[in-house]
C-alpha atoms as a PDB file:
ATOM      1  CA  SER A   1      13.868  11.139  21.960  1.00  0.00           C
ATOM      2  CA  LEU A   2      12.506  14.073  19.951  1.00  0.00           C
ATOM      3  CA  PHE A   3      12.934  12.181  16.671  1.00  0.00           C
ATOM      4  CA  ARG A   4      11.252   9.068  18.023  1.00  0.00           C
ATOM      5  CA  SER A   5       8.350  10.961  19.544  1.00  0.00           C
ATOM      6  CA  VAL A   6       7.569  12.962  16.407  1.00  0.00           C
ATOM      7  CA  THR A   7       8.061   9.941  14.154  1.00  0.00           C
ATOM      8  CA  MET A   8       5.507   7.911  16.103  1.00  0.00           C
ATOM      9  CA  ARG A   9       3.052  10.806  15.853  1.00  0.00           C
ATOM     10  CA  ALA A  10       3.590  10.741  12.087  1.00  0.00           C
ATOM     11  CA  VAL A  11       3.081   6.957  11.977  1.00  0.00           C
ATOM     12  CA  TYR A  12      -0.204   7.384  13.861  1.00  0.00           C
ATOM     13  CA  LEU A  13      -1.243  10.134  11.449  1.00  0.00           C
ATOM     14  CA  ALA A  14      -0.362   7.943   8.454  1.00  0.00           C
ATOM     15  CA  GLN A  15      -3.334   5.702   9.223  1.00  0.00           C
ATOM     16  CA  ASP A  16      -5.515   8.433   7.703  1.00  0.00           C
ATOM     17  CA  ARG A  17      -2.871  10.085   5.502  1.00  0.00           C
ATOM     18  CA  GLN A  18      -2.132   7.575   2.775  1.00  0.00           C
ATOM     19  CA  ASP A  19       0.155  10.060   1.036  1.00  0.00           C
ATOM     20  CA  ILE A  20       2.763   9.813   3.825  1.00  0.00           C
ATOM     21  CA  ALA A  21       2.616   6.040   4.405  1.00  0.00           C
ATOM     22  CA  GLU A  22       5.882   5.311   2.583  1.00  0.00           C
ATOM     23  CA  ALA A  23       7.690   8.236   4.200  1.00  0.00           C
ATOM     24  CA  THR A  24       6.708   7.252   7.736  1.00  0.00           C
ATOM     25  CA  LYS A  25       7.715   3.652   7.004  1.00  0.00           C
ATOM     26  CA  ASN A  26      11.221   4.833   6.191  1.00  0.00           C
ATOM     27  CA  LEU A  27      11.385   7.094   9.240  1.00  0.00           C
ATOM     28  CA  SER A  28      10.275   4.340  11.614  1.00  0.00           C
ATOM     29  CA  ARG A  29      13.160   2.169  10.404  1.00  0.00           C
ATOM     30  CA  GLU A  30      15.575   4.837  11.706  1.00  0.00           C
ATOM     31  CA  MET A  31      14.197   4.865  15.253  1.00  0.00           C
ATOM     32  CA  LYS A  32      16.843   2.500  16.637  1.00  0.00           C
ATOM     33  CA  GLU A  33      19.803   4.741  15.747  1.00  0.00           C
ATOM     34  CA  PRO A  34      18.554   8.052  14.294  1.00  0.00           C
ATOM     35  CA  SER A  35      21.116  10.272  12.625  1.00  0.00           C
ATOM     36  CA  GLU A  36      21.236  13.869  11.429  1.00  0.00           C
ATOM     37  CA  ALA A  37      20.060  12.644   8.028  1.00  0.00           C
ATOM     38  CA  SER A  38      17.068  11.017   9.721  1.00  0.00           C
ATOM     39  CA  MET A  39      16.146  14.322  11.362  1.00  0.00           C
ATOM     40  CA  ARG A  40      16.432  16.118   8.022  1.00  0.00           C
ATOM     41  CA  ASP A  41      14.013  13.619   6.466  1.00  0.00           C
ATOM     42  CA  LEU A  42      11.597  14.147   9.366  1.00  0.00           C
ATOM     43  CA  LYS A  43      11.750  17.933   8.952  1.00  0.00           C
ATOM     44  CA  ARG A  44      11.071  17.500   5.257  1.00  0.00           C
ATOM     45  CA  LEU A  45       7.936  15.513   6.106  1.00  0.00           C
ATOM     46  CA  GLU A  46       6.844  18.196   8.577  1.00  0.00           C
ATOM     47  CA  ARG A  47       7.200  20.902   5.938  1.00  0.00           C
ATOM     48  CA  TYR A  48       5.067  18.803   3.568  1.00  0.00           C
ATOM     49  CA  LEU A  49       2.336  18.358   6.191  1.00  0.00           C
ATOM     50  CA  LYS A  50       2.388  22.071   6.948  1.00  0.00           C
ATOM     51  CA  LEU A  51       1.851  22.795   3.251  1.00  0.00           C
ATOM     52  CA  ARG A  52      -0.922  20.196   2.887  1.00  0.00           C
ATOM     53  CA  PRO A  53      -2.412  19.640   6.351  1.00  0.00           C
ATOM     54  CA  ARG A  54      -5.718  18.041   5.331  1.00  0.00           C
ATOM     55  CA  LEU A  55      -6.400  15.012   3.135  1.00  0.00           C
ATOM     56  CA  VAL A  56     -10.035  13.957   2.721  1.00  0.00           C
ATOM     57  CA  ALA A  57     -11.380  10.555   1.701  1.00  0.00           C
ATOM     58  CA  VAL A  58     -14.540  11.108  -0.355  1.00  0.00           C
ATOM     59  CA  PHE A  59     -17.243   8.448   0.057  1.00  0.00           C
ATOM     60  CA  GLN A  60     -20.276   8.782  -2.177  1.00  0.00           C
ATOM     61  CA  ALA A  61     -23.506   6.772  -2.091  1.00  0.00           C
ATOM     62  CA  LYS A  62     -23.281   4.054  -4.742  1.00  0.00           C
ATOM     63  CA  ARG A  63     -24.556   0.569  -5.402  1.00  0.00           C
ATOM     64  CA  MET A  64     -22.608  -2.284  -3.857  1.00  0.00           C
ATOM     65  CA  PRO A  65     -19.985  -3.439  -6.386  1.00  0.00           C
ATOM     66  CA  GLU A  66     -19.574  -7.092  -7.336  1.00  0.00           C
ATOM     67  CA  THR A  67     -15.787  -7.221  -6.898  1.00  0.00           C
ATOM     68  CA  LEU A  68     -13.139  -6.314  -4.342  1.00  0.00           C
ATOM     69  CA  GLN A  69      -9.951  -5.091  -6.027  1.00  0.00           C
ATOM     70  CA  ALA A  70      -6.537  -5.527  -4.374  1.00  0.00           C
ATOM     71  CA  TYR A  71      -3.623  -3.693  -6.036  1.00  0.00           C
ATOM     72  CA  GLY A  72      -0.041  -4.799  -5.411  1.00  0.00           C
ATOM     73  CA  ASP A  73       3.259  -3.185  -6.360  1.00  0.00           C
ATOM     74  CA  SER A  74       6.873  -3.209  -5.214  1.00  0.00           C
ATOM     75  CA  ASP A  75      10.042  -1.139  -5.386  1.00  0.00           C
ATOM     76  CA  HIS A  76      12.751  -3.711  -6.059  1.00  0.00           C
ATOM     77  CA  ALA A  77      15.844  -3.354  -3.821  1.00  0.00           C
ATOM     78  CA  GLY A  78      14.767   0.166  -2.943  1.00  0.00           C
ATOM     79  CA  CYS A  79      16.621   0.214   0.379  1.00  0.00           C
ATOM     80  CA  LEU A  80      20.239   1.130  -0.345  1.00  0.00           C
ATOM     81  CA  LYS A  81      21.423  -0.264   3.002  1.00  0.00           C
ATOM     82  CA  THR A  82      19.782  -3.702   3.100  1.00  0.00           C
ATOM     83  CA  ARG A  83      18.761  -4.015  -0.594  1.00  0.00           C
ATOM     84  CA  ARG A  84      15.308  -5.105   0.539  1.00  0.00           C
ATOM     85  CA  SER A  85      12.251  -4.275  -1.524  1.00  0.00           C
ATOM     86  CA  THR A  86       9.136  -2.407  -0.436  1.00  0.00           C
ATOM     87  CA  THR A  87       5.627  -3.802  -0.783  1.00  0.00           C
ATOM     88  CA  GLY A  88       2.717  -1.486  -1.479  1.00  0.00           C
ATOM     89  CA  VAL A  89      -0.920  -2.592  -1.284  1.00  0.00           C
ATOM     90  CA  GLY A  90      -4.157  -0.724  -1.862  1.00  0.00           C
ATOM     91  CA  VAL A  91      -7.621  -2.309  -1.678  1.00  0.00           C
ATOM     92  CA  MET A  92     -10.598  -0.672  -3.357  1.00  0.00           C
ATOM     93  CA  LEU A  93     -14.289  -1.424  -2.879  1.00  0.00           C
ATOM     94  CA  GLY A  94     -15.738   0.145  -5.969  1.00  0.00           C
ATOM     95  CA  SER A  95     -14.351   3.694  -6.002  1.00  0.00           C
ATOM     96  CA  HIS A  96     -13.651   3.711  -2.256  1.00  0.00           C
ATOM     97  CA  LEU A  97     -10.275   3.029  -0.667  1.00  0.00           C
ATOM     98  CA  ILE A  98     -10.604   0.766   2.384  1.00  0.00           C
ATOM     99  CA  LYS A  99      -7.093  -0.565   3.132  1.00  0.00           C
ATOM    100  CA  THR A 100      -3.451   0.312   2.411  1.00  0.00           C
ATOM    101  CA  TYR A 101      -0.022  -1.116   3.253  1.00  0.00           C
ATOM    102  CA  SER A 102       3.561   0.055   2.912  1.00  0.00           C
ATOM    103  CA  GLN A 103       6.047  -2.481   4.284  1.00  0.00           C
ATOM    104  CA  VAL A 104       9.611  -3.629   3.760  1.00  0.00           C
ATOM    105  CA  GLN A 105       9.735  -7.206   2.518  1.00  0.00           C
ATOM    106  CA  SER A 106      11.249  -9.669   4.990  1.00  0.00           C
ATOM    107  CA  THR A 107      12.840 -11.700   2.172  1.00  0.00           C
ATOM    108  CA  ILE A 108      15.564 -10.281  -0.073  1.00  0.00           C
ATOM    109  CA  SER A 109      14.366 -10.629  -3.672  1.00  0.00           C
ATOM    110  CA  LEU A 110      16.804 -11.585  -6.402  1.00  0.00           C
ATOM    111  CA  SER A 111      14.730 -10.026  -9.196  1.00  0.00           C
ATOM    112  CA  SER A 112      12.045  -7.435  -9.731  1.00  0.00           C
ATOM    113  CA  GLY A 113       9.607 -10.180 -10.746  1.00  0.00           C
ATOM    114  CA  GLU A 114      10.150 -11.946  -7.425  1.00  0.00           C
ATOM    115  CA  SER A 115       9.598  -8.791  -5.390  1.00  0.00           C
ATOM    116  CA  GLU A 116       6.448  -8.071  -7.404  1.00  0.00           C
ATOM    117  CA  TYR A 117       5.236 -11.611  -6.664  1.00  0.00           C
ATOM    118  CA  TYR A 118       5.699 -11.029  -2.924  1.00  0.00           C
ATOM    119  CA  ALA A 119       3.681  -7.831  -3.306  1.00  0.00           C
ATOM    120  CA  MET A 120       0.914  -9.819  -4.997  1.00  0.00           C
ATOM    121  CA  LEU A 121       0.990 -12.269  -2.086  1.00  0.00           C
ATOM    122  CA  LYS A 122       0.421  -9.438   0.385  1.00  0.00           C
ATOM    123  CA  ALA A 123      -2.330  -7.933  -1.756  1.00  0.00           C
ATOM    124  CA  SER A 124      -4.035 -11.329  -2.084  1.00  0.00           C
ATOM    125  CA  ALA A 125      -3.837 -12.068   1.648  1.00  0.00           C
ATOM    126  CA  THR A 126      -5.258  -8.637   2.474  1.00  0.00           C
ATOM    127  CA  GLY A 127      -8.040  -8.994  -0.082  1.00  0.00           C
ATOM    128  CA  LEU A 128      -8.981 -12.487   1.131  1.00  0.00           C
ATOM    129  CA  ALA A 129      -9.153 -11.279   4.736  1.00  0.00           C
ATOM    130  CA  LEU A 130     -11.391  -8.329   3.820  1.00  0.00           C
ATOM    131  CA  ARG A 131     -13.596 -10.544   1.649  1.00  0.00           C
ATOM    132  CA  ALA A 132     -14.028 -12.986   4.536  1.00  0.00           C
ATOM    133  CA  MET A 133     -15.006 -10.128   6.836  1.00  0.00           C
ATOM    134  CA  LEU A 134     -17.585  -8.887   4.312  1.00  0.00           C
ATOM    135  CA  GLU A 135     -18.966 -12.420   3.978  1.00  0.00           C
ATOM    136  CA  ASP A 136     -19.564 -12.442   7.727  1.00  0.00           C
ATOM    137  CA  TRP A 137     -21.739  -9.373   7.128  1.00  0.00           C
ATOM    138  CA  GLY A 138     -23.661 -11.174   4.386  1.00  0.00           C
ATOM    139  CA  ILE A 139     -21.897  -9.417   1.488  1.00  0.00           C
ATOM    140  CA  GLN A 140     -20.650 -11.791  -1.229  1.00  0.00           C
ATOM    141  CA  LEU A 141     -17.922 -10.381  -3.476  1.00  0.00           C
ATOM    142  CA  LYS A 142     -15.406 -11.670  -5.984  1.00  0.00           C
ATOM    143  CA  LEU A 143     -11.730 -10.856  -5.435  1.00  0.00           C
ATOM    144  CA  GLN A 144      -9.506  -9.402  -8.137  1.00  0.00           C
ATOM    145  CA  VAL A 145      -5.748  -9.035  -7.600  1.00  0.00           C
ATOM    146  CA  LEU A 146      -4.155  -6.493  -9.928  1.00  0.00           C
ATOM    147  CA  SER A 147      -0.478  -6.145 -10.792  1.00  0.00           C
ATOM    148  CA  ASP A 148       1.529  -4.377 -13.494  1.00  0.00           C
ATOM    149  CA  SER A 149       4.246  -7.071 -13.503  1.00  0.00           C
ATOM    150  CA  SER A 150       3.975  -9.752 -16.196  1.00  0.00           C
ATOM    151  CA  ALA A 151       6.696 -11.810 -14.473  1.00  0.00           C
ATOM    152  CA  ALA A 152       4.760 -11.926 -11.191  1.00  0.00           C
ATOM    153  CA  ARG A 153       1.507 -12.811 -12.927  1.00  0.00           C
ATOM    154  CA  GLY A 154       3.301 -15.558 -14.842  1.00  0.00           C
ATOM    155  CA  LEU A 155       4.626 -17.021 -11.596  1.00  0.00           C
ATOM    156  CA  VAL A 156       1.076 -17.159 -10.228  1.00  0.00           C
ATOM    157  CA  ALA A 157      -0.247 -18.820 -13.403  1.00  0.00           C
ATOM    158  CA  ARG A 158       2.240 -21.715 -13.341  1.00  0.00           C
ATOM    159  CA  ARG A 159       2.383 -24.594 -10.871  1.00  0.00           C
ATOM    160  CA  GLY A 160       5.629 -25.005  -8.940  1.00  0.00           C
ATOM    161  CA  LEU A 161       8.786 -22.929  -8.839  1.00  0.00           C
ATOM    162  CA  GLY A 162      10.119 -23.364 -12.356  1.00  0.00           C
ATOM    163  CA  LYS A 163      13.501 -21.623 -12.565  1.00  0.00           C
ATOM    164  CA  ALA A 164      12.894 -19.636  -9.363  1.00  0.00           C
ATOM    165  CA  ARG A 165      13.941 -22.496  -7.107  1.00  0.00           C
ATOM    166  CA  HIS A 166      15.146 -20.246  -4.304  1.00  0.00           C
ATOM    167  CA  ILE A 167      11.589 -19.136  -3.449  1.00  0.00           C
ATOM    168  CA  GLN A 168      10.341 -20.943  -0.353  1.00  0.00           C
ATOM    169  CA  THR A 169       7.387 -23.261  -0.879  1.00  0.00           C
ATOM    170  CA  ARG A 170       5.296 -21.439   1.743  1.00  0.00           C
ATOM    171  CA  TYR A 171       4.910 -18.612  -0.764  1.00  0.00           C
ATOM    172  CA  LEU A 172       3.262 -20.809  -3.410  1.00  0.00           C
ATOM    173  CA  TRP A 173      -0.251 -20.894  -1.937  1.00  0.00           C
ATOM    174  CA  LEU A 174      -1.274 -18.126  -4.338  1.00  0.00           C
ATOM    175  CA  GLN A 175      -0.773 -20.490  -7.282  1.00  0.00           C
ATOM    176  CA  GLU A 176      -3.283 -22.893  -5.774  1.00  0.00           C
ATOM    177  CA  ARG A 177      -5.797 -20.139  -5.046  1.00  0.00           C
ATOM    178  CA  GLY A 178      -5.477 -18.913  -8.621  1.00  0.00           C
ATOM    179  CA  ALA A 179      -5.887 -22.418 -10.074  1.00  0.00           C
ATOM    180  CA  ASP A 180      -9.002 -22.981  -7.950  1.00  0.00           C
ATOM    181  CA  ARG A 181     -10.406 -19.646  -9.230  1.00  0.00           C
ATOM    182  CA  ASP A 182     -10.777 -18.439  -5.674  1.00  0.00           C
ATOM    183  CA  LEU A 183      -9.420 -15.127  -6.938  1.00  0.00           C
ATOM    184  CA  GLN A 184      -8.723 -13.566 -10.301  1.00  0.00           C
ATOM    185  CA  VAL A 185      -5.328 -12.152 -11.272  1.00  0.00           C
ATOM    186  CA  LEU A 186      -5.580  -9.226 -13.686  1.00  0.00           C
ATOM    187  CA  THR A 187      -3.295  -6.775 -15.439  1.00  0.00           C
ATOM    188  CA  VAL A 188      -3.300  -3.097 -14.545  1.00  0.00           C
ATOM    189  CA  PRO A 189      -1.254  -0.389 -16.297  1.00  0.00           C
ATOM    190  CA  THR A 190       1.483   1.131 -14.168  1.00  0.00           C
ATOM    191  CA  SER A 191      -0.167   4.533 -14.549  1.00  0.00           C
ATOM    192  CA  LEU A 192      -3.345   3.192 -12.878  1.00  0.00           C
ATOM    193  CA  ASN A 193      -1.720   1.068 -10.177  1.00  0.00           C
ATOM    194  CA  ILE A 194      -2.591   2.882  -6.947  1.00  0.00           C
ATOM    195  CA  ALA A 195      -0.157   0.721  -4.940  1.00  0.00           C
ATOM    196  CA  ASP A 196       2.705   2.623  -6.593  1.00  0.00           C
ATOM    197  CA  LEU A 197       2.074   5.415  -4.073  1.00  0.00           C
ATOM    198  CA  PHE A 198       3.121   3.176  -1.176  1.00  0.00           C
ATOM    199  CA  THR A 199       6.431   1.908  -2.565  1.00  0.00           C
ATOM    200  CA  LYS A 200       8.678   4.913  -3.238  1.00  0.00           C
ATOM    201  CA  SER A 201       8.967   8.684  -3.475  1.00  0.00           C
ATOM    202  CA  LEU A 202       7.019  10.175  -6.374  1.00  0.00           C
ATOM    203  CA  THR A 203       6.601  13.530  -8.076  1.00  0.00           C
ATOM    204  CA  GLU A 204       3.804  15.851  -7.015  1.00  0.00           C
ATOM    205  CA  GLN A 205       1.953  15.300 -10.285  1.00  0.00           C
ATOM    206  CA  ARG A 206       2.105  11.518  -9.870  1.00  0.00           C
ATOM    207  CA  ILE A 207       0.952  11.715  -6.235  1.00  0.00           C
ATOM    208  CA  LEU A 208      -2.055  13.839  -7.168  1.00  0.00           C
ATOM    209  CA  GLN A 209      -2.929  11.441  -9.999  1.00  0.00           C
ATOM    210  CA  LEU A 210      -2.910   8.403  -7.711  1.00  0.00           C
ATOM    211  CA  LEU A 211      -4.818  10.171  -4.934  1.00  0.00           C
ATOM    212  CA  ALA A 212      -7.522  11.078  -7.451  1.00  0.00           C
ATOM    213  CA  LEU A 213      -7.838   7.397  -8.431  1.00  0.00           C
ATOM    214  CA  MET A 214      -8.471   6.591  -4.754  1.00  0.00           C
ATOM    215  CA  ASN A 215     -11.003   9.421  -4.281  1.00  0.00           C
ATOM    216  CA  LEU A 216      -8.622  11.271  -1.956  1.00  0.00           C
ATOM    217  CA  GLU A 217      -8.231  15.012  -2.233  1.00  0.00           C
ATOM    218  CA  PHE A 218      -6.571  17.892  -0.419  1.00  0.00           C
ATOM    219  CA  ARG A 219      -8.823  20.528   1.127  1.00  0.00           C
ATOM    220  CA  GLU A 220      -8.353  23.747   3.031  1.00  0.00           C
ATOM    221  CA  GLY A 221      -9.583  24.573   6.529  1.00  0.00           C
ATOM    222  CA  ARG A 222     -10.905  22.266   9.219  1.00  0.00           C
ATOM    223  CA  ALA A 223     -13.569  19.601   8.949  1.00  0.00           C
ATOM    224  CA  ASP A 224     -17.000  20.599  10.263  1.00  0.00           C
ATOM    225  CA  THR A 225     -17.005  17.496  12.488  1.00  0.00           C
ATOM    226  CA  ALA A 226     -13.531  18.129  13.951  1.00  0.00           C
ATOM    227  CA  LYS A 227     -13.306  18.792  17.663  1.00  0.00           C
ATOM    228  CA  ARG A 228     -12.738  22.376  18.660  1.00  0.00           C
ATOM    229  CA  LEU A 229     -10.967  23.782  21.683  1.00  0.00           C
ATOM    230  CA  ILE A 230     -13.403  25.393  24.122  1.00  0.00           C
ATOM    231  CA  GLN A 231     -11.892  28.240  26.122  1.00  0.00           C
ATOM    232  CA  ARG A 232     -13.449  29.132  29.440  1.00  0.00           C
END
């Protein structure tokens, strides 16, 4: 009960702490039958949060950009138990981060290119939903989907399955959207792919690099707007 309670607090915190999204995803998968190893991973996360308790998203006044950028990445067969891959998604509006995802893929991928394609599907669906919401507010934007996988981009560019005949046809809608130019699929270097943060464990240097790309930074102390305890 202690593991489950603290894990759910961490999952709630991860909504505003993008740096722990992948860690809390892994912990939540252990809630059914937590083990001693699960508790050790949770304690490791707690020590990290104690060292870096405050992450700030910096929003600066800028002109409205013309494009909405959705980054997709995956960690192929990253789960050693189920061999499922992890999807990471980050959506940027200009230099501002507005949406992130870290999820285990429901389908077992047979190749890294396939898992990257599923990540592009999630990034595209998220970007299309956010673009539709902005259109309701009278903001017209173009959608760019960025991936560092040439195999996944090639699968989007073709029509049909090709040699990947095991992929279900319900995952091919992205090919049609790309052919209709409803969205634009672009290449992004792995070093600049912010979705990499939400797929696997990274070094401290790499984490800081990706957080800087998303205008996220660690700060000391409490926020001026944070609620304070009033003692009577």
